């Protein structure tokens, strides 16, 4: 399998108890220690009759975002994919695996 000239990456990460599955054109190790930079988010076209509310929520949340800095310990998986899928948000399953400690914001 050869590398694509314009790769698309599927990035899965945990954010505030939810699993975000998103697609982006560029991913870099950040100059900010402990972060990964995710740029150029890609969302499906609105040519379909059925609209996924999860993808629409992500589209609205990331509208106007040029670059996101995702903590390395929040990353679940990164894949280079052949074609664009549907971005989605789902609840993180609670199992018998202890997640890496994440500081809880205080008021």
PDB file of N, CA and C in Angstrom:
ATOM      1  N   UNK A   1       0.847  -1.180   0.000  1.00  0.00           N
ATOM      2  CA  UNK A   1       0.000   0.000   0.000  1.00  0.00           C
ATOM      3  C   UNK A   1       0.888   1.238   0.000  1.00  0.00           C
ATOM      4  N   UNK A   2       0.645   2.134  -0.888  1.00  0.00           N
ATOM      5  CA  UNK A   2       1.464   3.341  -0.977  1.00  0.00           C
ATOM      6  C   UNK A   2       0.818   4.483  -0.202  1.00  0.00           C
ATOM      7  N   UNK A   3       1.657   5.420   0.179  1.00  0.00           N
ATOM      8  CA  UNK A   3       1.147   6.584   0.908  1.00  0.00           C
ATOM      9  C   UNK A   3       0.402   7.514  -0.038  1.00  0.00           C
ATOM     10  N   UNK A   4      -0.669   8.068   0.469  1.00  0.00           N
ATOM     11  CA  UNK A   4      -1.477   8.991  -0.313  1.00  0.00           C
ATOM     12  C   UNK A   4      -0.840  10.373  -0.305  1.00  0.00           C
ATOM     13  N   UNK A   5      -1.021  11.114  -1.396  1.00  0.00           N
ATOM     14  CA  UNK A   5      -0.519  12.490  -1.446  1.00  0.00           C
ATOM     15  C   UNK A   5      -1.286  13.389  -0.497  1.00  0.00           C
ATOM     16  N   UNK A   6      -2.574  13.137  -0.349  1.00  0.00           N
ATOM     17  CA  UNK A   6      -3.435  13.915   0.544  1.00  0.00           C
ATOM     18  C   UNK A   6      -4.073  12.983   1.564  1.00  0.00           C
ATOM     19  N   UNK A   7      -3.297  12.586   2.586  1.00  0.00           N
ATOM     20  CA  UNK A   7      -3.844  11.611   3.535  1.00  0.00           C
ATOM     21  C   UNK A   7      -4.973  12.188   4.384  1.00  0.00           C
ATOM     22  N   UNK A   8      -5.841  11.308   4.821  1.00  0.00           N
ATOM     23  CA  UNK A   8      -6.892  11.648   5.781  1.00  0.00           C
ATOM     24  C   UNK A   8      -6.667  10.761   6.997  1.00  0.00           C
ATOM     25  N   UNK A   9      -6.703  11.363   8.172  1.00  0.00           N
ATOM     26  CA  UNK A   9      -6.473  10.637   9.411  1.00  0.00           C
ATOM     27  C   UNK A   9      -7.757  10.580  10.232  1.00  0.00           C
ATOM     28  N   UNK A  10      -8.045   9.407  10.753  1.00  0.00           N
ATOM     29  CA  UNK A  10      -9.143   9.258  11.707  1.00  0.00           C
ATOM     30  C   UNK A  10      -8.504   9.346  13.089  1.00  0.00           C
ATOM     31  N   UNK A  11      -8.930  10.316  13.879  1.00  0.00           N
ATOM     32  CA  UNK A  11      -8.387  10.541  15.211  1.00  0.00           C
ATOM     33  C   UNK A  11      -9.474  10.242  16.225  1.00  0.00           C
ATOM     34  N   UNK A  12      -9.188   9.348  17.144  1.00  0.00           N
ATOM     35  CA  UNK A  12     -10.139   9.010  18.202  1.00  0.00           C
ATOM     36  C   UNK A  12      -9.515   9.452  19.523  1.00  0.00           C
ATOM     37  N   UNK A  13     -10.242  10.306  20.258  1.00  0.00           N
ATOM     38  CA  UNK A  13      -9.724  10.782  21.534  1.00  0.00           C
ATOM     39  C   UNK A  13     -10.873  10.966  22.524  1.00  0.00           C
ATOM     40  N   UNK A  14     -10.510  10.995  23.800  1.00  0.00           N
ATOM     41  CA  UNK A  14     -11.497  11.158  24.871  1.00  0.00           C
ATOM     42  C   UNK A  14     -11.492  12.608  25.317  1.00  0.00           C
ATOM     43  N   UNK A  15     -12.699  13.177  25.438  1.00  0.00           N
ATOM     44  CA  UNK A  15     -12.850  14.561  25.867  1.00  0.00           C
ATOM     45  C   UNK A  15     -14.051  14.639  26.798  1.00  0.00           C
ATOM     46  N   UNK A  16     -13.816  14.943  28.063  1.00  0.00           N
ATOM     47  CA  UNK A  16     -14.863  15.125  29.070  1.00  0.00           C
ATOM     48  C   UNK A  16     -15.847  13.959  29.109  1.00  0.00           C
ATOM     49  N   UNK A  17     -15.316  12.737  29.168  1.00  0.00           N
ATOM     50  CA  UNK A  17     -16.155  11.552  29.295  1.00  0.00           C
ATOM     51  C   UNK A  17     -16.816  11.082  28.021  1.00  0.00           C
ATOM     52  N   UNK A  18     -16.470  11.702  26.900  1.00  0.00           N
ATOM     53  CA  UNK A  18     -17.032  11.294  25.616  1.00  0.00           C
ATOM     54  C   UNK A  18     -15.898  10.918  24.666  1.00  0.00           C
ATOM     55  N   UNK A  19     -16.189  10.012  23.748  1.00  0.00           N
ATOM     56  CA  UNK A  19     -15.224   9.593  22.742  1.00  0.00           C
ATOM     57  C   UNK A  19     -15.525  10.356  21.457  1.00  0.00           C
ATOM     58  N   UNK A  20     -14.553  11.128  20.987  1.00  0.00           N
ATOM     59  CA  UNK A  20     -14.683  11.877  19.740  1.00  0.00           C
ATOM     60  C   UNK A  20     -13.955  11.097  18.655  1.00  0.00           C
ATOM     61  N   UNK A  21     -14.646  10.841  17.551  1.00  0.00           N
ATOM     62  CA  UNK A  21     -14.051  10.201  16.382  1.00  0.00           C
ATOM     63  C   UNK A  21     -14.150  11.208  15.250  1.00  0.00           C
ATOM     64  N   UNK A  22     -12.997  11.745  14.856  1.00  0.00           N
ATOM     65  CA  UNK A  22     -12.998  12.828  13.871  1.00  0.00           C
ATOM     66  C   UNK A  22     -11.980  12.549  12.775  1.00  0.00           C
ATOM     67  N   UNK A  23     -12.121  13.292  11.692  1.00  0.00           N
ATOM     68  CA  UNK A  23     -11.223  13.143  10.545  1.00  0.00           C
ATOM     69  C   UNK A  23     -10.497  14.463  10.304  1.00  0.00           C
ATOM     70  N   UNK A  24      -9.201  14.364   9.988  1.00  0.00           N
ATOM     71  CA  UNK A  24      -8.383  15.560   9.778  1.00  0.00           C
ATOM     72  C   UNK A  24      -7.360  15.286   8.682  1.00  0.00           C
ATOM     73  N   UNK A  25      -6.889  16.369   8.082  1.00  0.00           N
ATOM     74  CA  UNK A  25      -5.887  16.259   7.026  1.00  0.00           C
ATOM     75  C   UNK A  25      -4.463  16.355   7.540  1.00  0.00           C
ATOM     76  N   UNK A  26      -4.266  16.890   8.744  1.00  0.00           N
ATOM     77  CA  UNK A  26      -2.905  17.067   9.254  1.00  0.00           C
ATOM     78  C   UNK A  26      -2.850  16.827  10.762  1.00  0.00           C
ATOM     79  N   UNK A  27      -1.827  16.089  11.183  1.00  0.00           N
ATOM     80  CA  UNK A  27      -1.584  15.819  12.599  1.00  0.00           C
ATOM     81  C   UNK A  27      -0.092  15.988  12.850  1.00  0.00           C
ATOM     82  N   UNK A  28       0.241  16.726  13.910  1.00  0.00           N
ATOM     83  CA  UNK A  28       1.633  17.003  14.226  1.00  0.00           C
ATOM     84  C   UNK A  28       1.893  16.872  15.714  1.00  0.00           C
ATOM     85  N   UNK A  29       3.140  16.550  16.058  1.00  0.00           N
ATOM     86  CA  UNK A  29       3.588  16.649  17.439  1.00  0.00           C
ATOM     87  C   UNK A  29       3.696  18.140  17.735  1.00  0.00           C
ATOM     88  N   UNK A  30       3.091  18.584  18.809  1.00  0.00           N
ATOM     89  CA  UNK A  30       3.040  20.006  19.122  1.00  0.00           C
ATOM     90  C   UNK A  30       4.321  20.481  19.802  1.00  0.00           C
ATOM     91  N   UNK A  31       4.589  21.776  19.684  1.00  0.00           N
ATOM     92  CA  UNK A  31       5.660  22.402  20.452  1.00  0.00           C
ATOM     93  C   UNK A  31       5.256  22.546  21.912  1.00  0.00           C
ATOM     94  N   UNK A  32       3.938  22.504  22.174  1.00  0.00           N
ATOM     95  CA  UNK A  32       3.445  22.477  23.550  1.00  0.00           C
ATOM     96  C   UNK A  32       3.653  21.065  24.067  1.00  0.00           C
ATOM     97  N   UNK A  33       4.424  20.904  25.114  1.00  0.00           N
ATOM     98  CA  UNK A  33       4.774  19.589  25.622  1.00  0.00           C
ATOM     99  C   UNK A  33       3.521  18.808  26.017  1.00  0.00           C
ATOM    100  N   UNK A  34       3.425  17.564  25.517  1.00  0.00           N
ATOM    101  CA  UNK A  34       2.333  16.690  25.892  1.00  0.00           C
ATOM    102  C   UNK A  34       1.075  16.825  25.049  1.00  0.00           C
ATOM    103  N   UNK A  35       1.161  17.560  23.947  1.00  0.00           N
ATOM    104  CA  UNK A  35      -0.014  17.770  23.097  1.00  0.00           C
ATOM    105  C   UNK A  35       0.268  17.357  21.660  1.00  0.00           C
ATOM    106  N   UNK A  36      -0.805  16.999  20.976  1.00  0.00           N
ATOM    107  CA  UNK A  36      -0.776  16.690  19.560  1.00  0.00           C
ATOM    108  C   UNK A  36      -1.616  17.753  18.854  1.00  0.00           C
ATOM    109  N   UNK A  37      -1.130  18.274  17.741  1.00  0.00           N
ATOM    110  CA  UNK A  37      -1.888  19.272  16.979  1.00  0.00           C
ATOM    111  C   UNK A  37      -2.684  18.568  15.888  1.00  0.00           C
ATOM    112  N   UNK A  38      -3.969  18.884  15.829  1.00  0.00           N
ATOM    113  CA  UNK A  38      -4.853  18.322  14.807  1.00  0.00           C
ATOM    114  C   UNK A  38      -5.394  19.502  14.009  1.00  0.00           C
ATOM    115  N   UNK A  39      -5.155  19.484  12.689  1.00  0.00           N
ATOM    116  CA  UNK A  39      -5.548  20.598  11.823  1.00  0.00           C
ATOM    117  C   UNK A  39      -6.431  20.111  10.679  1.00  0.00           C
ATOM    118  N   UNK A  40      -7.152  21.054  10.115  1.00  0.00           N
ATOM    119  CA  UNK A  40      -7.964  20.832   8.913  1.00  0.00           C
ATOM    120  C   UNK A  40      -8.954  19.680   9.094  1.00  0.00           C
ATOM    121  N   UNK A  41      -9.890  19.869  10.034  1.00  0.00           N
ATOM    122  CA  UNK A  41     -10.924  18.863  10.245  1.00  0.00           C
ATOM    123  C   UNK A  41     -11.745  18.707   8.980  1.00  0.00           C
ATOM    124  N   UNK A  42     -12.153  17.474   8.700  1.00  0.00           N
ATOM    125  CA  UNK A  42     -12.930  17.167   7.503  1.00  0.00           C
ATOM    126  C   UNK A  42     -14.245  16.539   7.945  1.00  0.00           C
ATOM    127  N   UNK A  43     -15.334  17.057   7.414  1.00  0.00           N
ATOM    128  CA  UNK A  43     -16.656  16.518   7.709  1.00  0.00           C
ATOM    129  C   UNK A  43     -17.311  16.103   6.404  1.00  0.00           C
ATOM    130  N   UNK A  44     -18.265  15.168   6.479  1.00  0.00           N
ATOM    131  CA  UNK A  44     -18.970  14.697   5.292  1.00  0.00           C
ATOM    132  C   UNK A  44     -19.777  15.813   4.652  1.00  0.00           C
ATOM    133  N   UNK A  45     -20.032  15.652   3.390  1.00  0.00           N
ATOM    134  CA  UNK A  45     -20.838  16.622   2.650  1.00  0.00           C
ATOM    135  C   UNK A  45     -22.304  16.457   3.017  1.00  0.00           C
ATOM    136  N   UNK A  46     -23.082  17.495   2.844  1.00  0.00           N
ATOM    137  CA  UNK A  46     -24.517  17.462   3.161  1.00  0.00           C
ATOM    138  C   UNK A  46     -25.347  17.002   1.968  1.00  0.00           C
ATOM    139  N   UNK A  47     -24.818  16.089   1.169  1.00  0.00           N
ATOM    140  CA  UNK A  47     -25.559  15.609   0.012  1.00  0.00           C
ATOM    141  C   UNK A  47     -26.490  14.464   0.375  1.00  0.00           C
ATOM    142  N   UNK A  48     -26.343  13.927   1.583  1.00  0.00           N
ATOM    143  CA  UNK A  48     -27.179  12.816   1.997  1.00  0.00           C
ATOM    144  C   UNK A  48     -28.493  13.333   2.572  1.00  0.00           C
ATOM    145  N   UNK A  49     -29.529  12.532   2.439  1.00  0.00           N
ATOM    146  CA  UNK A  49     -30.830  12.892   2.989  1.00  0.00           C
ATOM    147  C   UNK A  49     -30.819  12.725   4.509  1.00  0.00           C
ATOM    148  N   UNK A  50     -30.152  11.667   4.986  1.00  0.00           N
ATOM    149  CA  UNK A  50     -30.086  11.395   6.418  1.00  0.00           C
ATOM    150  C   UNK A  50     -28.935  12.203   7.018  1.00  0.00           C
ATOM    151  N   UNK A  51     -29.241  12.967   8.063  1.00  0.00           N
ATOM    152  CA  UNK A  51     -28.229  13.781   8.726  1.00  0.00           C
ATOM    153  C   UNK A  51     -27.946  13.176  10.086  1.00  0.00           C
ATOM    154  N   UNK A  52     -26.669  12.952  10.382  1.00  0.00           N
ATOM    155  CA  UNK A  52     -26.267  12.394  11.666  1.00  0.00           C
ATOM    156  C   UNK A  52     -26.152  13.529  12.677  1.00  0.00           C
ATOM    157  N   UNK A  53     -26.976  13.536  13.741  1.00  0.00           N
ATOM    158  CA  UNK A  53     -26.939  14.629  14.711  1.00  0.00           C
ATOM    159  C   UNK A  53     -25.596  14.731  15.441  1.00  0.00           C
ATOM    160  N   UNK A  54     -24.928  13.593  15.619  1.00  0.00           N
ATOM    161  CA  UNK A  54     -23.622  13.589  16.278  1.00  0.00           C
ATOM    162  C   UNK A  54     -22.600  14.348  15.432  1.00  0.00           C
ATOM    163  N   UNK A  55     -22.612  14.112  14.128  1.00  0.00           N
ATOM    164  CA  UNK A  55     -21.680  14.809  13.235  1.00  0.00           C
ATOM    165  C   UNK A  55     -22.021  16.298  13.161  1.00  0.00           C
ATOM    166  N   UNK A  56     -23.306  16.618  13.150  1.00  0.00           N
ATOM    167  CA  UNK A  56     -23.708  18.026  13.114  1.00  0.00           C
ATOM    168  C   UNK A  56     -23.267  18.755  14.376  1.00  0.00           C
ATOM    169  N   UNK A  57     -23.328  18.075  15.517  1.00  0.00           N
ATOM    170  CA  UNK A  57     -22.871  18.662  16.778  1.00  0.00           C
ATOM    171  C   UNK A  57     -21.368  18.945  16.731  1.00  0.00           C
ATOM    172  N   UNK A  58     -20.606  17.987  16.206  1.00  0.00           N
ATOM    173  CA  UNK A  58     -19.155  18.183  16.075  1.00  0.00           C
ATOM    174  C   UNK A  58     -18.833  19.312  15.102  1.00  0.00           C
ATOM    175  N   UNK A  59     -19.566  19.352  13.995  1.00  0.00           N
ATOM    176  CA  UNK A  59     -19.368  20.415  13.010  1.00  0.00           C
ATOM    177  C   UNK A  59     -19.567  21.788  13.644  1.00  0.00           C
ATOM    178  N   UNK A  60     -20.633  21.923  14.420  1.00  0.00           N
ATOM    179  CA  UNK A  60     -20.928  23.198  15.081  1.00  0.00           C
ATOM    180  C   UNK A  60     -19.871  23.517  16.140  1.00  0.00           C
ATOM    181  N   UNK A  61     -19.449  22.512  16.885  1.00  0.00           N
ATOM    182  CA  UNK A  61     -18.472  22.728  17.956  1.00  0.00           C
ATOM    183  C   UNK A  61     -17.106  23.132  17.405  1.00  0.00           C
ATOM    184  N   UNK A  62     -16.725  22.598  16.254  1.00  0.00           N
ATOM    185  CA  UNK A  62     -15.409  22.871  15.693  1.00  0.00           C
ATOM    186  C   UNK A  62     -15.443  23.869  14.534  1.00  0.00           C
ATOM    187  N   UNK A  63     -16.574  24.530  14.344  1.00  0.00           N
ATOM    188  CA  UNK A  63     -16.684  25.543  13.293  1.00  0.00           C
ATOM    189  C   UNK A  63     -15.724  26.692  13.595  1.00  0.00           C
ATOM    190  N   UNK A  64     -14.920  27.061  12.634  1.00  0.00           N
ATOM    191  CA  UNK A  64     -13.972  28.156  12.806  1.00  0.00           C
ATOM    192  C   UNK A  64     -12.687  27.768  13.517  1.00  0.00           C
ATOM    193  N   UNK A  65     -12.556  26.504  13.933  1.00  0.00           N
ATOM    194  CA  UNK A  65     -11.332  26.052  14.599  1.00  0.00           C
ATOM    195  C   UNK A  65     -10.270  25.769  13.545  1.00  0.00           C
ATOM    196  N   UNK A  66      -9.130  26.407  13.693  1.00  0.00           N
ATOM    197  CA  UNK A  66      -8.025  26.204  12.759  1.00  0.00           C
ATOM    198  C   UNK A  66      -7.183  25.011  13.187  1.00  0.00           C
ATOM    199  N   UNK A  67      -6.943  24.907  14.481  1.00  0.00           N
ATOM    200  CA  UNK A  67      -6.071  23.871  15.018  1.00  0.00           C
ATOM    201  C   UNK A  67      -6.533  23.527  16.425  1.00  0.00           C
ATOM    202  N   UNK A  68      -6.537  22.238  16.749  1.00  0.00           N
ATOM    203  CA  UNK A  68      -6.856  21.793  18.109  1.00  0.00           C
ATOM    204  C   UNK A  68      -5.619  21.154  18.709  1.00  0.00           C
ATOM    205  N   UNK A  69      -5.435  21.395  19.994  1.00  0.00           N
ATOM    206  CA  UNK A  69      -4.340  20.775  20.738  1.00  0.00           C
ATOM    207  C   UNK A  69      -4.963  19.720  21.641  1.00  0.00           C
ATOM    208  N   UNK A  70      -4.672  18.458  21.358  1.00  0.00           N
ATOM    209  CA  UNK A  70      -5.256  17.350  22.101  1.00  0.00           C
ATOM    210  C   UNK A  70      -4.168  16.752  22.992  1.00  0.00           C
ATOM    211  N   UNK A  71      -4.434  16.604  24.302  1.00  0.00           N
ATOM    212  CA  UNK A  71      -3.437  15.994  25.187  1.00  0.00           C
ATOM    213  C   UNK A  71      -3.107  14.573  24.739  1.00  0.00           C
ATOM    214  N   UNK A  72      -1.835  14.223  24.762  1.00  0.00           N
ATOM    215  CA  UNK A  72      -1.416  12.900  24.306  1.00  0.00           C
ATOM    216  C   UNK A  72      -2.112  11.773  25.065  1.00  0.00           C
ATOM    217  N   UNK A  73      -2.346  11.939  26.349  1.00  0.00           N
ATOM    218  CA  UNK A  73      -2.970  10.862  27.123  1.00  0.00           C
ATOM    219  C   UNK A  73      -4.459  10.706  26.815  1.00  0.00           C
ATOM    220  N   UNK A  74      -5.035  11.625  26.039  1.00  0.00           N
ATOM    221  CA  UNK A  74      -6.439  11.504  25.639  1.00  0.00           C
ATOM    222  C   UNK A  74      -6.605  10.752  24.327  1.00  0.00           C
ATOM    223  N   UNK A  75      -5.512  10.586  23.593  1.00  0.00           N
ATOM    224  CA  UNK A  75      -5.566   9.918  22.296  1.00  0.00           C
ATOM    225  C   UNK A  75      -5.801   8.424  22.500  1.00  0.00           C
ATOM    226  N   UNK A  76      -6.796   7.890  21.806  1.00  0.00           N
ATOM    227  CA  UNK A  76      -7.068   6.457  21.839  1.00  0.00           C
ATOM    228  C   UNK A  76      -6.394   5.793  20.647  1.00  0.00           C
ATOM    229  N   UNK A  77      -6.566   6.421  19.464  1.00  0.00           N
ATOM    230  CA  UNK A  77      -6.027   5.816  18.251  1.00  0.00           C
ATOM    231  C   UNK A  77      -5.981   6.832  17.122  1.00  0.00           C
ATOM    232  N   UNK A  78      -5.008   6.661  16.228  1.00  0.00           N
ATOM    233  CA  UNK A  78      -4.920   7.465  15.003  1.00  0.00           C
ATOM    234  C   UNK A  78      -4.688   6.498  13.847  1.00  0.00           C
ATOM    235  N   UNK A  79      -5.535   6.597  12.826  1.00  0.00           N
ATOM    236  CA  UNK A  79      -5.400   5.765  11.627  1.00  0.00           C
ATOM    237  C   UNK A  79      -5.335   6.651  10.399  1.00  0.00           C
ATOM    238  N   UNK A  80      -4.500   6.276   9.437  1.00  0.00           N
ATOM    239  CA  UNK A  80      -4.565   6.905   8.128  1.00  0.00           C
ATOM    240  C   UNK A  80      -5.556   6.075   7.330  1.00  0.00           C
ATOM    241  N   UNK A  81      -6.594   6.715   6.807  1.00  0.00           N
ATOM    242  CA  UNK A  81      -7.669   5.994   6.132  1.00  0.00           C
ATOM    243  C   UNK A  81      -7.722   6.348   4.647  1.00  0.00           C
ATOM    244  N   UNK A  82      -8.325   5.467   3.886  1.00  0.00           N
ATOM    245  CA  UNK A  82      -8.442   5.684   2.446  1.00  0.00           C
ATOM    246  C   UNK A  82      -9.560   6.643   2.099  1.00  0.00           C
ATOM    247  N   UNK A  83     -10.643   6.614   2.908  1.00  0.00           N
ATOM    248  CA  UNK A  83     -11.758   7.511   2.611  1.00  0.00           C
ATOM    249  C   UNK A  83     -12.373   8.042   3.897  1.00  0.00           C
ATOM    250  N   UNK A  84     -13.062   9.121   3.726  1.00  0.00           N
ATOM    251  CA  UNK A  84     -13.693   9.837   4.829  1.00  0.00           C
ATOM    252  C   UNK A  84     -14.873   9.050   5.376  1.00  0.00           C
ATOM    253  N   UNK A  85     -14.966   8.976   6.695  1.00  0.00           N
ATOM    254  CA  UNK A  85     -16.097   8.349   7.357  1.00  0.00           C
ATOM    255  C   UNK A  85     -16.943   9.420   8.030  1.00  0.00           C
ATOM    256  N   UNK A  86     -17.812   8.993   8.919  1.00  0.00           N
ATOM    257  CA  UNK A  86     -18.699   9.914   9.623  1.00  0.00           C
ATOM    258  C   UNK A  86     -18.087  10.260  10.974  1.00  0.00           C
ATOM    259  N   UNK A  87     -17.937  11.547  11.241  1.00  0.00           N
ATOM    260  CA  UNK A  87     -17.456  11.997  12.550  1.00  0.00           C
ATOM    261  C   UNK A  87     -18.557  11.745  13.560  1.00  0.00           C
ATOM    262  N   UNK A  88     -18.178  11.350  14.783  1.00  0.00           N
ATOM    263  CA  UNK A  88     -19.206  11.055  15.781  1.00  0.00           C
ATOM    264  C   UNK A  88     -18.701  11.261  17.194  1.00  0.00           C
ATOM    265  N   UNK A  89     -19.659  11.421  18.094  1.00  0.00           N
ATOM    266  CA  UNK A  89     -19.393  11.498  19.526  1.00  0.00           C
ATOM    267  C   UNK A  89     -20.161  10.350  20.169  1.00  0.00           C
ATOM    268  N   UNK A  90     -19.519   9.645  21.090  1.00  0.00           N
ATOM    269  CA  UNK A  90     -20.216   8.604  21.843  1.00  0.00           C
ATOM    270  C   UNK A  90     -19.762   8.667  23.295  1.00  0.00           C
ATOM    271  N   UNK A  91     -20.554   8.099  24.163  1.00  0.00           N
ATOM    272  CA  UNK A  91     -20.191   8.072  25.577  1.00  0.00           C
ATOM    273  C   UNK A  91     -19.070   7.066  25.773  1.00  0.00           C
ATOM    274  N   UNK A  92     -18.092   7.419  26.610  1.00  0.00           N
ATOM    275  CA  UNK A  92     -16.991   6.514  26.912  1.00  0.00           C
ATOM    276  C   UNK A  92     -17.527   5.369  27.766  1.00  0.00           C
ATOM    277  N   UNK A  93     -17.236   4.150  27.359  1.00  0.00           N
ATOM    278  CA  UNK A  93     -17.685   2.982  28.108  1.00  0.00           C
ATOM    279  C   UNK A  93     -16.862   2.857  29.388  1.00  0.00           C
ATOM    280  N   UNK A  94     -17.548   2.580  30.466  1.00  0.00           N
ATOM    281  CA  UNK A  94     -16.867   2.386  31.742  1.00  0.00           C
ATOM    282  C   UNK A  94     -16.624   0.896  31.904  1.00  0.00           C
ATOM    283  N   UNK A  95     -15.353   0.527  31.995  1.00  0.00           N
ATOM    284  CA  UNK A  95     -15.009  -0.889  32.111  1.00  0.00           C
ATOM    285  C   UNK A  95     -14.085  -1.125  33.283  1.00  0.00           C
ATOM    286  N   UNK A  96     -13.350  -2.192  33.207  1.00  0.00           N
ATOM    287  CA  UNK A  96     -12.451  -2.520  34.293  1.00  0.00           C
ATOM    288  C   UNK A  96     -11.039  -1.981  34.067  1.00  0.00           C
ATOM    289  N   UNK A  97     -10.848  -1.148  33.064  1.00  0.00           N
ATOM    290  CA  UNK A  97      -9.554  -0.534  32.801  1.00  0.00           C
ATOM    291  C   UNK A  97      -9.576   0.881  33.358  1.00  0.00           C
ATOM    292  N   UNK A  98      -8.596   1.190  34.160  1.00  0.00           N
ATOM    293  CA  UNK A  98      -8.508   2.519  34.777  1.00  0.00           C
ATOM    294  C   UNK A  98      -7.876   3.483  33.784  1.00  0.00           C
ATOM    295  N   UNK A  99      -8.560   4.592  33.444  1.00  0.00           N
ATOM    296  CA  UNK A  99      -7.966   5.555  32.516  1.00  0.00           C
ATOM    297  C   UNK A  99      -6.829   6.324  33.185  1.00  0.00           C
ATOM    298  N   UNK A 100      -5.981   6.905  32.358  1.00  0.00           N
ATOM    299  CA  UNK A 100      -4.904   7.745  32.864  1.00  0.00           C
ATOM    300  C   UNK A 100      -5.543   8.901  33.633  1.00  0.00           C
ATOM    301  N   UNK A 101      -5.020   9.263  34.804  1.00  0.00           N
ATOM    302  CA  UNK A 101      -5.658  10.329  35.591  1.00  0.00           C
ATOM    303  C   UNK A 101      -5.708  11.655  34.853  1.00  0.00           C
ATOM    304  N   UNK A 102      -6.863  12.276  34.864  1.00  0.00           N
ATOM    305  CA  UNK A 102      -7.056  13.577  34.236  1.00  0.00           C
ATOM    306  C   UNK A 102      -7.494  14.545  35.330  1.00  0.00           C
ATOM    307  N   UNK A 103      -6.825  15.691  35.460  1.00  0.00           N
ATOM    308  CA  UNK A 103      -7.223  16.627  36.505  1.00  0.00           C
ATOM    309  C   UNK A 103      -8.662  17.107  36.317  1.00  0.00           C
ATOM    310  N   UNK A 104      -9.370  17.207  37.411  1.00  0.00           N
ATOM    311  CA  UNK A 104     -10.749  17.674  37.378  1.00  0.00           C
ATOM    312  C   UNK A 104     -10.738  19.183  37.637  1.00  0.00           C
ATOM    313  N   UNK A 105     -11.353  19.963  36.740  1.00  0.00           N
ATOM    314  CA  UNK A 105     -11.372  21.407  36.934  1.00  0.00           C
ATOM    315  C   UNK A 105     -12.172  21.790  38.193  1.00  0.00           C
ATOM    316  N   UNK A 106     -11.667  22.751  38.918  1.00  0.00           N
ATOM    317  CA  UNK A 106     -12.378  23.255  40.089  1.00  0.00           C
ATOM    318  C   UNK A 106     -12.872  24.646  39.818  1.00  0.00           C
ATOM    319  N   UNK A 107     -13.920  25.028  40.528  1.00  0.00           N
ATOM    320  CA  UNK A 107     -14.504  26.350  40.306  1.00  0.00           C
ATOM    321  C   UNK A 107     -13.719  27.411  41.013  1.00  0.00           C
TER     322      UNK A 107
END
